[in-house]
Amino acid sequence: MKIINASYQILTAIVGIEMLKSIERAGRTCYKSEDKISEASAPNFIKMLISKGHESVLEHQTISVLFVCDRGVSHEIVRHRLASFSQESTRYCNYSSDKFNEGITFILPCWIIDDPKNEENKSWFARMSYAESSYEIMMEKYGWTPQQARCILPNSLKTEIVVTANLREWRTIFKQRTSKAAHPQMRELMCPLLDDLKILIPTVFDDINY
């Protein structure tokens, strides 16, 4: 059994100012104001569009992010329909095979101390261990396939999911998933990701706070 923390990786090679220039070029087509484009005009133009609610122009740029999270969090992520998803499959991944020689990987909930000896959290570690051994028994002793044996695995099972969405949809995702009402494990991922993207892409996410 392996226990890890949730994490993310931005897969898109982001050059923020170039993204802004591309968005500006598309947006100024609407106003036929291409003559106003300058080396420094994109941020203010995009800020104006966002302030007026004209966010459709942001759809011309996309970002891909790899999330390493538990299955419960991934079930919420895929609710955002205006995105593309590629996710680790429990139907085809055989976690009892040599390929996964460290055993089944689980995501440590952010409210649990990473210490199996801690009395308060010992029960969670024990149940993860039991789920792993039950999965292996059904595979090895009874010949279940991965798609059958996955029914034993809990929401804490680690999954990897690549999410690609345009900037407008990422704004929607951040507004919903960084709020104080969002699940704590979702906020654990989305709040620092939002902070990173604010640095990488000026203006686009500056008005979203948590």
N, C-alpha and C. Protein backbone atom coordinates (compact mmCIF):
# COMPACT_ATOMS: atom_id res chain seq x y z
N MET A 1 0.84 -1.19 0.00
CA MET A 1 0.00 0.00 0.00
C MET A 1 0.87 1.24 0.00
N LYS A 2 0.46 2.23 -0.77
CA LYS A 2 1.19 3.49 -0.83
C LYS A 2 0.23 4.64 -0.58
N ILE A 3 0.65 5.57 0.27
CA ILE A 3 -0.17 6.74 0.58
C ILE A 3 0.55 7.98 0.07
N ILE A 4 -0.15 8.81 -0.71
CA ILE A 4 0.44 10.03 -1.24
C ILE A 4 -0.51 11.20 -1.05
N ASN A 5 0.00 12.40 -1.22
CA ASN A 5 -0.82 13.60 -1.18
C ASN A 5 -1.34 13.93 -2.58
N ALA A 6 -2.44 14.61 -2.63
CA ALA A 6 -2.98 15.08 -3.91
C ALA A 6 -2.01 16.11 -4.51
N SER A 7 -2.00 16.19 -5.84
CA SER A 7 -1.09 17.12 -6.51
C SER A 7 -1.62 17.44 -7.90
N TYR A 8 -0.96 18.37 -8.56
CA TYR A 8 -1.32 18.71 -9.94
C TYR A 8 -0.07 19.12 -10.69
N GLN A 9 -0.16 19.05 -12.01
CA GLN A 9 0.92 19.49 -12.89
C GLN A 9 0.31 20.18 -14.10
N ILE A 10 0.72 21.40 -14.37
CA ILE A 10 0.26 22.12 -15.55
C ILE A 10 1.02 21.56 -16.76
N LEU A 11 0.31 20.97 -17.70
CA LEU A 11 0.94 20.32 -18.84
C LEU A 11 1.18 21.28 -20.00
N THR A 12 0.39 22.32 -20.08
CA THR A 12 0.53 23.29 -21.17
C THR A 12 1.75 24.18 -20.93
N ALA A 13 2.54 24.37 -21.97
CA ALA A 13 3.67 25.31 -21.88
C ALA A 13 3.10 26.72 -22.05
N ILE A 14 2.97 27.42 -20.95
CA ILE A 14 2.26 28.70 -20.95
C ILE A 14 3.22 29.87 -21.10
N VAL A 15 2.97 30.67 -22.12
CA VAL A 15 3.61 31.98 -22.24
C VAL A 15 2.46 32.98 -22.15
N GLY A 16 2.23 33.49 -20.96
CA GLY A 16 1.02 34.24 -20.67
C GLY A 16 0.76 35.40 -21.60
N ILE A 17 1.75 36.22 -21.86
CA ILE A 17 1.53 37.40 -22.68
C ILE A 17 1.16 37.03 -24.11
N GLU A 18 1.71 35.91 -24.60
CA GLU A 18 1.34 35.46 -25.95
C GLU A 18 -0.11 35.00 -25.99
N MET A 19 -0.56 34.34 -24.92
CA MET A 19 -1.97 33.96 -24.84
C MET A 19 -2.86 35.20 -24.89
N LEU A 20 -2.47 36.22 -24.12
CA LEU A 20 -3.27 37.44 -24.08
C LEU A 20 -3.31 38.12 -25.45
N LYS A 21 -2.19 38.14 -26.14
CA LYS A 21 -2.15 38.76 -27.47
C LYS A 21 -3.06 38.02 -28.44
N SER A 22 -3.08 36.71 -28.36
CA SER A 22 -3.93 35.91 -29.24
C SER A 22 -5.41 36.18 -28.95
N ILE A 23 -5.73 36.26 -27.66
CA ILE A 23 -7.12 36.56 -27.27
C ILE A 23 -7.50 37.96 -27.75
N GLU A 24 -6.59 38.92 -27.59
CA GLU A 24 -6.88 40.28 -28.02
C GLU A 24 -7.13 40.33 -29.53
N ARG A 25 -6.31 39.64 -30.28
CA ARG A 25 -6.47 39.65 -31.74
C ARG A 25 -7.84 39.14 -32.14
N ALA A 26 -8.28 38.07 -31.47
CA ALA A 26 -9.61 37.53 -31.77
C ALA A 26 -10.70 38.51 -31.34
N GLY A 27 -10.53 39.07 -30.16
CA GLY A 27 -11.56 39.96 -29.63
C GLY A 27 -11.73 41.24 -30.41
N ARG A 28 -10.64 41.79 -30.88
CA ARG A 28 -10.73 43.07 -31.61
C ARG A 28 -11.37 42.89 -32.99
N THR A 29 -11.47 41.65 -33.44
CA THR A 29 -12.21 41.39 -34.68
C THR A 29 -13.67 41.83 -34.52
N CYS A 30 -14.20 41.64 -33.32
CA CYS A 30 -15.60 42.01 -33.07
C CYS A 30 -15.82 43.51 -33.24
N TYR A 31 -14.86 44.28 -32.80
CA TYR A 31 -14.99 45.75 -32.81
C TYR A 31 -14.31 46.39 -34.03
N LYS A 32 -13.61 45.57 -34.80
CA LYS A 32 -12.77 46.06 -35.90
C LYS A 32 -11.85 47.18 -35.40
N SER A 33 -11.19 46.86 -34.28
CA SER A 33 -10.27 47.83 -33.67
C SER A 33 -8.85 47.30 -33.66
N GLU A 34 -8.52 46.50 -34.69
CA GLU A 34 -7.18 45.93 -34.75
C GLU A 34 -6.09 47.01 -34.77
N ASP A 35 -6.44 48.20 -35.23
CA ASP A 35 -5.45 49.27 -35.30
C ASP A 35 -5.00 49.74 -33.91
N LYS A 36 -5.74 49.37 -32.89
CA LYS A 36 -5.40 49.77 -31.52
C LYS A 36 -4.48 48.76 -30.83
N ILE A 37 -4.15 47.68 -31.50
CA ILE A 37 -3.26 46.68 -30.92
C ILE A 37 -1.86 47.25 -30.81
N SER A 38 -1.29 47.13 -29.62
CA SER A 38 0.10 47.53 -29.39
C SER A 38 0.78 46.45 -28.57
N GLU A 39 2.04 46.64 -28.29
CA GLU A 39 2.79 45.64 -27.53
C GLU A 39 2.22 45.46 -26.13
N ALA A 40 1.59 46.51 -25.59
CA ALA A 40 1.12 46.45 -24.19
C ALA A 40 -0.39 46.55 -24.07
N SER A 41 -1.13 46.44 -25.16
CA SER A 41 -2.58 46.71 -25.10
C SER A 41 -3.42 45.52 -24.65
N ALA A 42 -2.90 44.30 -24.76
CA ALA A 42 -3.71 43.10 -24.50
C ALA A 42 -4.28 43.03 -23.09
N PRO A 43 -3.49 43.21 -22.02
CA PRO A 43 -4.06 43.06 -20.66
C PRO A 43 -5.25 43.97 -20.40
N ASN A 44 -5.15 45.24 -20.75
CA ASN A 44 -6.25 46.17 -20.50
C ASN A 44 -7.48 45.83 -21.34
N PHE A 45 -7.25 45.40 -22.57
CA PHE A 45 -8.38 45.02 -23.43
C PHE A 45 -9.13 43.83 -22.84
N ILE A 46 -8.38 42.83 -22.38
CA ILE A 46 -9.00 41.63 -21.82
C ILE A 46 -9.67 41.94 -20.49
N LYS A 47 -9.07 42.79 -19.70
CA LYS A 47 -9.70 43.22 -18.44
C LYS A 47 -11.03 43.89 -18.72
N MET A 48 -11.10 44.70 -19.76
CA MET A 48 -12.34 45.36 -20.14
C MET A 48 -13.40 44.34 -20.55
N LEU A 49 -13.01 43.34 -21.35
CA LEU A 49 -13.96 42.32 -21.77
C LEU A 49 -14.53 41.57 -20.57
N ILE A 50 -13.67 41.18 -19.64
CA ILE A 50 -14.12 40.44 -18.46
C ILE A 50 -15.06 41.29 -17.63
N SER A 51 -14.75 42.56 -17.45
CA SER A 51 -15.58 43.45 -16.64
C SER A 51 -16.97 43.61 -17.23
N LYS A 52 -17.09 43.49 -18.55
CA LYS A 52 -18.38 43.62 -19.22
C LYS A 52 -19.08 42.27 -19.39
N GLY A 53 -18.44 41.19 -18.94
CA GLY A 53 -19.03 39.87 -19.07
C GLY A 53 -18.88 39.26 -20.45
N HIS A 54 -18.02 39.85 -21.29
CA HIS A 54 -17.81 39.33 -22.64
C HIS A 54 -16.68 38.30 -22.62
N GLU A 55 -16.94 37.15 -22.01
CA GLU A 55 -15.88 36.17 -21.77
C GLU A 55 -15.73 35.13 -22.87
N SER A 56 -16.59 35.16 -23.88
CA SER A 56 -16.50 34.14 -24.93
C SER A 56 -15.16 34.18 -25.65
N VAL A 57 -14.53 35.35 -25.71
CA VAL A 57 -13.25 35.47 -26.40
C VAL A 57 -12.17 34.64 -25.70
N LEU A 58 -12.34 34.41 -24.39
CA LEU A 58 -11.36 33.62 -23.64
C LEU A 58 -11.33 32.16 -24.08
N GLU A 59 -12.35 31.74 -24.80
CA GLU A 59 -12.43 30.35 -25.24
C GLU A 59 -11.40 30.02 -26.33
N HIS A 60 -10.72 31.01 -26.85
CA HIS A 60 -9.73 30.77 -27.90
C HIS A 60 -8.42 30.19 -27.36
N GLN A 61 -8.26 30.15 -26.04
CA GLN A 61 -7.04 29.59 -25.44
C GLN A 61 -7.40 28.51 -24.43
N THR A 62 -6.62 27.42 -24.42
CA THR A 62 -6.90 26.30 -23.51
C THR A 62 -5.68 25.98 -22.66
N ILE A 63 -5.94 25.31 -21.55
CA ILE A 63 -4.88 24.83 -20.65
C ILE A 63 -5.19 23.38 -20.28
N SER A 64 -4.15 22.54 -20.26
CA SER A 64 -4.28 21.16 -19.80
C SER A 64 -3.56 21.00 -18.47
N VAL A 65 -4.23 20.33 -17.53
CA VAL A 65 -3.67 20.10 -16.20
C VAL A 65 -3.85 18.64 -15.83
N LEU A 66 -2.80 18.03 -15.30
CA LEU A 66 -2.87 16.67 -14.77
C LEU A 66 -3.13 16.75 -13.27
N PHE A 67 -4.23 16.18 -12.82
CA PHE A 67 -4.54 16.11 -11.39
C PHE A 67 -4.28 14.70 -10.89
N VAL A 68 -3.61 14.59 -9.76
CA VAL A 68 -3.47 13.33 -9.04
C VAL A 68 -4.30 13.51 -7.78
N CYS A 69 -5.44 12.82 -7.74
CA CYS A 69 -6.41 13.07 -6.66
C CYS A 69 -7.15 11.77 -6.35
N ASP A 70 -8.09 11.84 -5.43
CA ASP A 70 -8.86 10.62 -5.17
C ASP A 70 -10.07 10.56 -6.10
N ARG A 71 -10.70 9.41 -6.14
CA ARG A 71 -11.80 9.21 -7.09
C ARG A 71 -12.96 10.14 -6.80
N GLY A 72 -13.20 10.45 -5.52
CA GLY A 72 -14.29 11.34 -5.18
C GLY A 72 -14.12 12.72 -5.79
N VAL A 73 -12.91 13.26 -5.72
CA VAL A 73 -12.63 14.56 -6.31
C VAL A 73 -12.78 14.50 -7.82
N SER A 74 -12.30 13.43 -8.43
CA SER A 74 -12.40 13.32 -9.90
C SER A 74 -13.85 13.27 -10.35
N HIS A 75 -14.72 12.69 -9.53
CA HIS A 75 -16.14 12.64 -9.89
C HIS A 75 -16.74 14.05 -9.95
N GLU A 76 -16.22 14.96 -9.14
CA GLU A 76 -16.69 16.34 -9.18
C GLU A 76 -16.08 17.09 -10.37
N ILE A 77 -14.82 16.82 -10.65
CA ILE A 77 -14.15 17.52 -11.75
C ILE A 77 -14.86 17.26 -13.08
N VAL A 78 -15.25 16.02 -13.31
CA VAL A 78 -15.85 15.69 -14.61
C VAL A 78 -17.27 16.24 -14.77
N ARG A 79 -17.80 16.88 -13.74
CA ARG A 79 -19.09 17.54 -13.87
C ARG A 79 -19.00 18.79 -14.75
N HIS A 80 -17.78 19.28 -14.95
CA HIS A 80 -17.59 20.45 -15.79
C HIS A 80 -17.58 19.99 -17.25
N ARG A 81 -18.70 20.11 -17.90
CA ARG A 81 -18.91 19.47 -19.20
C ARG A 81 -18.15 20.13 -20.34
N LEU A 82 -17.83 21.43 -20.20
CA LEU A 82 -17.13 22.11 -21.29
C LEU A 82 -15.63 21.91 -21.16
N ALA A 83 -15.23 20.66 -21.07
CA ALA A 83 -13.82 20.30 -20.91
C ALA A 83 -13.62 18.90 -21.47
N SER A 84 -12.36 18.54 -21.66
CA SER A 84 -12.01 17.20 -22.12
C SER A 84 -11.26 16.49 -21.01
N PHE A 85 -11.51 15.19 -20.84
CA PHE A 85 -10.94 14.43 -19.74
C PHE A 85 -10.32 13.13 -20.24
N SER A 86 -9.16 12.79 -19.70
CA SER A 86 -8.55 11.47 -19.90
C SER A 86 -8.14 10.98 -18.51
N GLN A 87 -8.75 9.87 -18.09
CA GLN A 87 -8.59 9.43 -16.70
C GLN A 87 -8.09 8.00 -16.60
N GLU A 88 -7.26 7.77 -15.62
CA GLU A 88 -6.80 6.42 -15.27
C GLU A 88 -8.00 5.51 -15.08
N SER A 89 -7.99 4.36 -15.73
CA SER A 89 -9.16 3.50 -15.75
C SER A 89 -9.03 2.34 -14.77
N THR A 90 -10.00 2.24 -13.86
CA THR A 90 -10.02 1.11 -12.94
C THR A 90 -10.54 -0.16 -13.61
N ARG A 91 -11.07 -0.02 -14.82
CA ARG A 91 -11.50 -1.20 -15.57
C ARG A 91 -10.30 -1.96 -16.12
N TYR A 92 -9.28 -1.22 -16.52
CA TYR A 92 -8.16 -1.84 -17.24
C TYR A 92 -6.86 -1.89 -16.43
N CYS A 93 -6.72 -1.05 -15.42
CA CYS A 93 -5.51 -1.09 -14.58
C CYS A 93 -5.64 -2.20 -13.55
N ASN A 94 -4.74 -3.13 -13.59
CA ASN A 94 -4.72 -4.25 -12.63
C ASN A 94 -3.74 -3.89 -11.51
N TYR A 95 -4.27 -3.44 -10.39
CA TYR A 95 -3.42 -2.95 -9.30
C TYR A 95 -2.74 -4.06 -8.52
N SER A 96 -3.05 -5.30 -8.86
CA SER A 96 -2.35 -6.42 -8.21
C SER A 96 -1.21 -6.96 -9.08
N SER A 97 -0.98 -6.35 -10.25
CA SER A 97 0.07 -6.80 -11.16
C SER A 97 1.42 -6.21 -10.79
N ASP A 98 2.47 -6.76 -11.39
CA ASP A 98 3.83 -6.28 -11.12
C ASP A 98 4.02 -4.81 -11.52
N LYS A 99 3.21 -4.35 -12.45
CA LYS A 99 3.30 -2.95 -12.90
C LYS A 99 3.07 -1.99 -11.74
N PHE A 100 2.26 -2.41 -10.79
CA PHE A 100 1.98 -1.59 -9.60
C PHE A 100 2.61 -2.28 -8.39
N ASN A 101 3.94 -2.40 -8.43
CA ASN A 101 4.64 -3.21 -7.43
C ASN A 101 4.63 -2.61 -6.03
N GLU A 102 4.21 -1.35 -5.89
CA GLU A 102 4.09 -0.76 -4.56
C GLU A 102 2.70 -0.97 -3.98
N GLY A 103 1.88 -1.72 -4.70
CA GLY A 103 0.52 -1.96 -4.24
C GLY A 103 -0.42 -0.85 -4.68
N ILE A 104 -1.59 -0.84 -4.09
CA ILE A 104 -2.59 0.17 -4.43
C ILE A 104 -2.22 1.49 -3.77
N THR A 105 -2.39 2.57 -4.52
CA THR A 105 -2.07 3.90 -4.02
C THR A 105 -3.35 4.61 -3.60
N PHE A 106 -3.32 5.21 -2.42
CA PHE A 106 -4.45 5.97 -1.90
C PHE A 106 -4.02 7.41 -1.65
N ILE A 107 -4.98 8.32 -1.78
CA ILE A 107 -4.74 9.73 -1.51
C ILE A 107 -5.05 10.03 -0.05
N LEU A 108 -4.10 10.65 0.62
CA LEU A 108 -4.29 11.01 2.02
C LEU A 108 -5.23 12.22 2.10
N PRO A 109 -6.39 12.10 2.76
CA PRO A 109 -7.25 13.26 2.92
C PRO A 109 -6.51 14.38 3.66
N CYS A 110 -6.76 15.62 3.25
CA CYS A 110 -5.98 16.73 3.78
C CYS A 110 -6.22 16.99 5.25
N TRP A 111 -7.23 16.37 5.84
CA TRP A 111 -7.50 16.56 7.27
C TRP A 111 -6.94 15.42 8.12
N ILE A 112 -6.24 14.48 7.48
CA ILE A 112 -5.68 13.34 8.20
C ILE A 112 -4.17 13.48 8.33
N ILE A 113 -3.65 13.19 9.48
CA ILE A 113 -2.21 13.24 9.72
C ILE A 113 -1.56 12.02 9.10
N ASP A 114 -0.47 12.22 8.39
CA ASP A 114 0.23 11.11 7.71
C ASP A 114 1.02 10.30 8.73
N ASP A 115 0.29 9.58 9.58
CA ASP A 115 0.92 8.77 10.62
C ASP A 115 -0.03 7.64 10.99
N PRO A 116 0.22 6.42 10.51
CA PRO A 116 -0.68 5.30 10.80
C PRO A 116 -0.81 5.00 12.28
N LYS A 117 0.13 5.49 13.09
CA LYS A 117 0.08 5.22 14.53
C LYS A 117 -0.76 6.24 15.28
N ASN A 118 -1.14 7.32 14.61
CA ASN A 118 -1.97 8.32 15.25
C ASN A 118 -3.33 7.72 15.56
N GLU A 119 -3.73 7.76 16.84
CA GLU A 119 -4.93 7.07 17.28
C GLU A 119 -6.18 7.56 16.56
N GLU A 120 -6.25 8.85 16.31
CA GLU A 120 -7.44 9.42 15.70
C GLU A 120 -7.65 8.94 14.27
N ASN A 121 -6.56 8.68 13.56
CA ASN A 121 -6.66 8.36 12.13
C ASN A 121 -6.31 6.91 11.80
N LYS A 122 -6.01 6.12 12.83
CA LYS A 122 -5.62 4.73 12.61
C LYS A 122 -6.69 3.96 11.85
N SER A 123 -7.94 4.28 12.09
CA SER A 123 -9.04 3.56 11.45
C SER A 123 -9.00 3.73 9.93
N TRP A 124 -8.69 4.95 9.46
CA TRP A 124 -8.64 5.18 8.00
C TRP A 124 -7.55 4.34 7.36
N PHE A 125 -6.36 4.33 7.94
CA PHE A 125 -5.26 3.54 7.39
C PHE A 125 -5.61 2.06 7.36
N ALA A 126 -6.28 1.58 8.43
CA ALA A 126 -6.66 0.16 8.49
C ALA A 126 -7.64 -0.20 7.39
N ARG A 127 -8.57 0.69 7.11
CA ARG A 127 -9.57 0.40 6.09
C ARG A 127 -8.98 0.44 4.68
N MET A 128 -7.99 1.29 4.46
CA MET A 128 -7.31 1.30 3.17
C MET A 128 -6.55 -0.01 2.97
N SER A 129 -5.89 -0.45 4.03
CA SER A 129 -5.15 -1.71 3.96
C SER A 129 -6.10 -2.89 3.71
N TYR A 130 -7.26 -2.86 4.36
CA TYR A 130 -8.24 -3.93 4.17
C TYR A 130 -8.78 -3.93 2.74
N ALA A 131 -9.03 -2.73 2.20
CA ALA A 131 -9.52 -2.64 0.82
C ALA A 131 -8.50 -3.21 -0.15
N GLU A 132 -7.22 -2.90 0.08
CA GLU A 132 -6.17 -3.42 -0.79
C GLU A 132 -6.10 -4.95 -0.73
N SER A 133 -6.11 -5.51 0.46
CA SER A 133 -6.02 -6.97 0.59
C SER A 133 -7.26 -7.66 0.02
N SER A 134 -8.42 -7.04 0.18
CA SER A 134 -9.66 -7.61 -0.37
C SER A 134 -9.62 -7.62 -1.89
N TYR A 135 -9.11 -6.55 -2.47
CA TYR A 135 -8.96 -6.45 -3.93
C TYR A 135 -8.05 -7.57 -4.43
N GLU A 136 -6.93 -7.76 -3.77
CA GLU A 136 -5.97 -8.78 -4.19
C GLU A 136 -6.55 -10.18 -4.07
N ILE A 137 -7.33 -10.43 -3.02
CA ILE A 137 -7.94 -11.74 -2.83
C ILE A 137 -8.92 -12.04 -3.97
N MET A 138 -9.75 -11.06 -4.30
CA MET A 138 -10.74 -11.28 -5.35
C MET A 138 -10.07 -11.50 -6.71
N MET A 139 -8.93 -10.83 -6.93
CA MET A 139 -8.22 -10.99 -8.19
C MET A 139 -7.50 -12.33 -8.25
N GLU A 140 -6.75 -12.64 -7.20
CA GLU A 140 -5.84 -13.78 -7.24
C GLU A 140 -6.52 -15.09 -6.87
N LYS A 141 -7.42 -15.06 -5.89
CA LYS A 141 -8.05 -16.30 -5.44
C LYS A 141 -9.28 -16.66 -6.26
N TYR A 142 -10.06 -15.64 -6.62
CA TYR A 142 -11.33 -15.91 -7.28
C TYR A 142 -11.33 -15.54 -8.76
N GLY A 143 -10.23 -15.00 -9.24
CA GLY A 143 -10.11 -14.75 -10.67
C GLY A 143 -10.95 -13.59 -11.20
N TRP A 144 -11.30 -12.66 -10.32
CA TRP A 144 -12.04 -11.50 -10.79
C TRP A 144 -11.17 -10.66 -11.72
N THR A 145 -11.81 -9.96 -12.64
CA THR A 145 -11.10 -9.03 -13.50
C THR A 145 -11.00 -7.68 -12.79
N PRO A 146 -10.10 -6.79 -13.26
CA PRO A 146 -10.00 -5.46 -12.64
C PRO A 146 -11.34 -4.72 -12.61
N GLN A 147 -12.13 -4.83 -13.68
CA GLN A 147 -13.40 -4.11 -13.70
C GLN A 147 -14.40 -4.67 -12.71
N GLN A 148 -14.22 -5.93 -12.29
CA GLN A 148 -15.08 -6.49 -11.25
C GLN A 148 -14.55 -6.12 -9.85
N ALA A 149 -13.25 -6.27 -9.68
CA ALA A 149 -12.67 -6.05 -8.36
C ALA A 149 -12.67 -4.58 -7.93
N ARG A 150 -12.82 -3.68 -8.87
CA ARG A 150 -12.79 -2.25 -8.51
C ARG A 150 -13.95 -1.87 -7.59
N CYS A 151 -15.01 -2.67 -7.56
CA CYS A 151 -16.16 -2.34 -6.71
C CYS A 151 -15.80 -2.34 -5.23
N ILE A 152 -14.67 -2.94 -4.90
CA ILE A 152 -14.22 -2.99 -3.50
C ILE A 152 -13.47 -1.73 -3.11
N LEU A 153 -12.95 -1.01 -4.07
CA LEU A 153 -12.04 0.10 -3.79
C LEU A 153 -12.80 1.36 -3.36
N PRO A 154 -12.27 2.10 -2.40
CA PRO A 154 -12.96 3.28 -1.85
C PRO A 154 -12.67 4.55 -2.66
N ASN A 155 -13.36 5.62 -2.30
CA ASN A 155 -13.14 6.91 -2.95
C ASN A 155 -11.72 7.43 -2.76
N SER A 156 -11.03 6.97 -1.72
CA SER A 156 -9.66 7.43 -1.48
C SER A 156 -8.65 6.87 -2.46
N LEU A 157 -9.08 5.96 -3.34
CA LEU A 157 -8.19 5.42 -4.36
C LEU A 157 -7.61 6.54 -5.20
N LYS A 158 -6.30 6.49 -5.42
CA LYS A 158 -5.64 7.49 -6.27
C LYS A 158 -6.07 7.32 -7.71
N THR A 159 -6.33 8.44 -8.37
CA THR A 159 -6.56 8.44 -9.80
C THR A 159 -5.79 9.59 -10.42
N GLU A 160 -5.48 9.47 -11.70
CA GLU A 160 -4.85 10.56 -12.44
C GLU A 160 -5.80 10.95 -13.57
N ILE A 161 -6.02 12.25 -13.71
CA ILE A 161 -6.94 12.73 -14.72
C ILE A 161 -6.39 14.00 -15.36
N VAL A 162 -6.32 13.99 -16.69
CA VAL A 162 -5.89 15.17 -17.44
C VAL A 162 -7.14 15.94 -17.85
N VAL A 163 -7.16 17.21 -17.50
CA VAL A 163 -8.29 18.08 -17.79
C VAL A 163 -7.83 19.18 -18.75
N THR A 164 -8.50 19.30 -19.88
CA THR A 164 -8.23 20.37 -20.82
C THR A 164 -9.48 21.21 -20.96
N ALA A 165 -9.33 22.52 -20.73
CA ALA A 165 -10.48 23.42 -20.82
C ALA A 165 -10.01 24.78 -21.32
N ASN A 166 -10.92 25.52 -21.92
CA ASN A 166 -10.57 26.87 -22.34
C ASN A 166 -10.56 27.79 -21.12
N LEU A 167 -10.01 28.98 -21.29
CA LEU A 167 -9.83 29.87 -20.14
C LEU A 167 -11.16 30.31 -19.53
N ARG A 168 -12.17 30.43 -20.35
CA ARG A 168 -13.48 30.79 -19.80
C ARG A 168 -13.98 29.71 -18.86
N GLU A 169 -13.84 28.44 -19.25
CA GLU A 169 -14.29 27.34 -18.41
C GLU A 169 -13.44 27.22 -17.15
N TRP A 170 -12.12 27.48 -17.28
CA TRP A 170 -11.29 27.46 -16.08
C TRP A 170 -11.75 28.52 -15.09
N ARG A 171 -12.19 29.67 -15.58
CA ARG A 171 -12.72 30.70 -14.68
C ARG A 171 -13.95 30.17 -13.93
N THR A 172 -14.82 29.46 -14.64
CA THR A 172 -15.99 28.87 -13.99
C THR A 172 -15.57 27.83 -12.96
N ILE A 173 -14.61 26.99 -13.33
CA ILE A 173 -14.13 25.96 -12.41
C ILE A 173 -13.58 26.60 -11.14
N PHE A 174 -12.76 27.61 -11.29
CA PHE A 174 -12.15 28.23 -10.11
C PHE A 174 -13.18 28.94 -9.24
N LYS A 175 -14.16 29.58 -9.85
CA LYS A 175 -15.19 30.26 -9.05
C LYS A 175 -15.95 29.25 -8.18
N GLN A 176 -16.21 28.08 -8.73
CA GLN A 176 -16.98 27.07 -7.99
C GLN A 176 -16.11 26.24 -7.05
N ARG A 177 -14.90 25.90 -7.49
CA ARG A 177 -14.11 24.91 -6.75
C ARG A 177 -13.10 25.49 -5.78
N THR A 178 -12.97 26.82 -5.72
CA THR A 178 -12.12 27.44 -4.70
C THR A 178 -12.94 28.12 -3.62
N SER A 179 -14.25 28.13 -3.76
CA SER A 179 -15.09 28.78 -2.76
C SER A 179 -15.04 28.00 -1.46
N LYS A 180 -15.39 28.67 -0.38
CA LYS A 180 -15.37 28.03 0.93
C LYS A 180 -16.39 26.90 1.03
N ALA A 181 -17.38 26.89 0.13
CA ALA A 181 -18.39 25.82 0.13
C ALA A 181 -17.91 24.57 -0.61
N ALA A 182 -16.79 24.67 -1.33
CA ALA A 182 -16.27 23.52 -2.09
C ALA A 182 -15.68 22.48 -1.13
N HIS A 183 -15.56 21.26 -1.62
CA HIS A 183 -14.99 20.17 -0.82
C HIS A 183 -13.53 20.51 -0.48
N PRO A 184 -13.10 20.25 0.76
CA PRO A 184 -11.73 20.62 1.14
C PRO A 184 -10.65 19.99 0.28
N GLN A 185 -10.86 18.77 -0.20
CA GLN A 185 -9.86 18.15 -1.07
C GLN A 185 -9.83 18.79 -2.45
N MET A 186 -10.95 19.33 -2.89
CA MET A 186 -10.98 20.07 -4.14
C MET A 186 -10.24 21.39 -3.98
N ARG A 187 -10.49 22.08 -2.88
CA ARG A 187 -9.81 23.36 -2.63
C ARG A 187 -8.30 23.16 -2.46
N GLU A 188 -7.92 22.00 -1.92
CA GLU A 188 -6.50 21.68 -1.76
C GLU A 188 -5.77 21.73 -3.10
N LEU A 189 -6.45 21.38 -4.18
CA LEU A 189 -5.87 21.40 -5.53
C LEU A 189 -6.10 22.73 -6.24
N MET A 190 -7.33 23.20 -6.20
CA MET A 190 -7.71 24.33 -7.05
C MET A 190 -7.19 25.67 -6.56
N CYS A 191 -7.08 25.85 -5.26
CA CYS A 191 -6.60 27.16 -4.75
C CYS A 191 -5.15 27.42 -5.17
N PRO A 192 -4.23 26.50 -4.94
CA PRO A 192 -2.85 26.76 -5.40
C PRO A 192 -2.72 26.80 -6.92
N LEU A 193 -3.54 26.01 -7.63
CA LEU A 193 -3.51 26.07 -9.09
C LEU A 193 -3.95 27.46 -9.58
N LEU A 194 -4.98 28.00 -8.98
CA LEU A 194 -5.42 29.35 -9.33
C LEU A 194 -4.30 30.36 -9.08
N ASP A 195 -3.62 30.23 -7.95
CA ASP A 195 -2.51 31.14 -7.64
C ASP A 195 -1.42 31.05 -8.70
N ASP A 196 -1.11 29.83 -9.12
CA ASP A 196 -0.07 29.64 -10.15
C ASP A 196 -0.47 30.29 -11.47
N LEU A 197 -1.73 30.10 -11.86
CA LEU A 197 -2.17 30.63 -13.14
C LEU A 197 -2.29 32.15 -13.12
N LYS A 198 -2.56 32.71 -11.96
CA LYS A 198 -2.57 34.17 -11.86
C LYS A 198 -1.19 34.74 -12.18
N ILE A 199 -0.15 34.01 -11.79
CA ILE A 199 1.21 34.45 -12.08
C ILE A 199 1.57 34.23 -13.54
N LEU A 200 1.16 33.07 -14.07
CA LEU A 200 1.53 32.70 -15.44
C LEU A 200 0.77 33.47 -16.50
N ILE A 201 -0.50 33.79 -16.21
CA ILE A 201 -1.35 34.47 -17.19
C ILE A 201 -1.93 35.72 -16.55
N PRO A 202 -1.36 36.86 -16.79
CA PRO A 202 -1.88 38.09 -16.17
C PRO A 202 -3.33 38.37 -16.57
N THR A 203 -4.06 39.02 -15.67
CA THR A 203 -5.39 39.59 -15.96
C THR A 203 -6.54 38.58 -15.94
N VAL A 204 -6.37 37.44 -16.59
CA VAL A 204 -7.50 36.54 -16.84
C VAL A 204 -8.18 36.06 -15.55
N PHE A 205 -7.39 35.80 -14.51
CA PHE A 205 -7.96 35.25 -13.27
C PHE A 205 -7.85 36.21 -12.09
N ASP A 206 -7.42 37.42 -12.34
CA ASP A 206 -7.12 38.35 -11.24
C ASP A 206 -8.33 38.67 -10.36
N ASP A 207 -9.54 38.61 -10.90
CA ASP A 207 -10.72 38.99 -10.15
C ASP A 207 -11.32 37.85 -9.34
N ILE A 208 -10.71 36.66 -9.41
CA ILE A 208 -11.25 35.50 -8.69
C ILE A 208 -10.43 35.31 -7.41
N ASN A 209 -11.11 35.39 -6.28
CA ASN A 209 -10.44 35.24 -4.98
C ASN A 209 -11.13 34.18 -4.15
N TYR A 210 -10.41 33.64 -3.21
CA TYR A 210 -11.00 32.59 -2.35
C TYR A 210 -10.70 32.88 -0.89
